[in-house]
Amino acid sequence: MIGEPLGLTIPGYSVRAATPDDEAACDALLSRVHDHDRSQEVHNALARGRAGVVERFGRITGYTTGISYSNHSVAETNDDLRRSSAPPTPWVDRLSSSRWRTPTCSGGVSPTGCGSSSS
């Protein structure tokens, strides 16, 4: 699916640029959610200033290494994932394109429904 960033405001969610201090929490989140390692990608995104985190209840509940085909985002819930793609966020604003891709059956993340696409 291809579409524009969602531009949502979801109360209770804080979104900010990730810092090197967030690296361990991002790695742990990916391990919990997907049970594998992409720590080098997280590290590289942090070094480029392209990573962002979503915080809820005072802890990191989602992160993105950028919103594009060659990056990845991980979150505990669909709302965490939605918020990671909602401007104003530096990792969306600095991209050459504001378009992003998500699996067509992403458990409710798609605003157009499972199996459909927008562009």
Foldseek 3Di string as FASTA:
>chain_A
DKDFQPQDDDPQKDKAFDAPVCLVVAQVQCCVQPVDGPSVLVVVLNVVSQKMFIDGPRGTFKMWSAFADVIDIGGPDLVRVSVNRHDPYPRQVPDPDRMHDDQQPPPPNDPVHRPDDDD
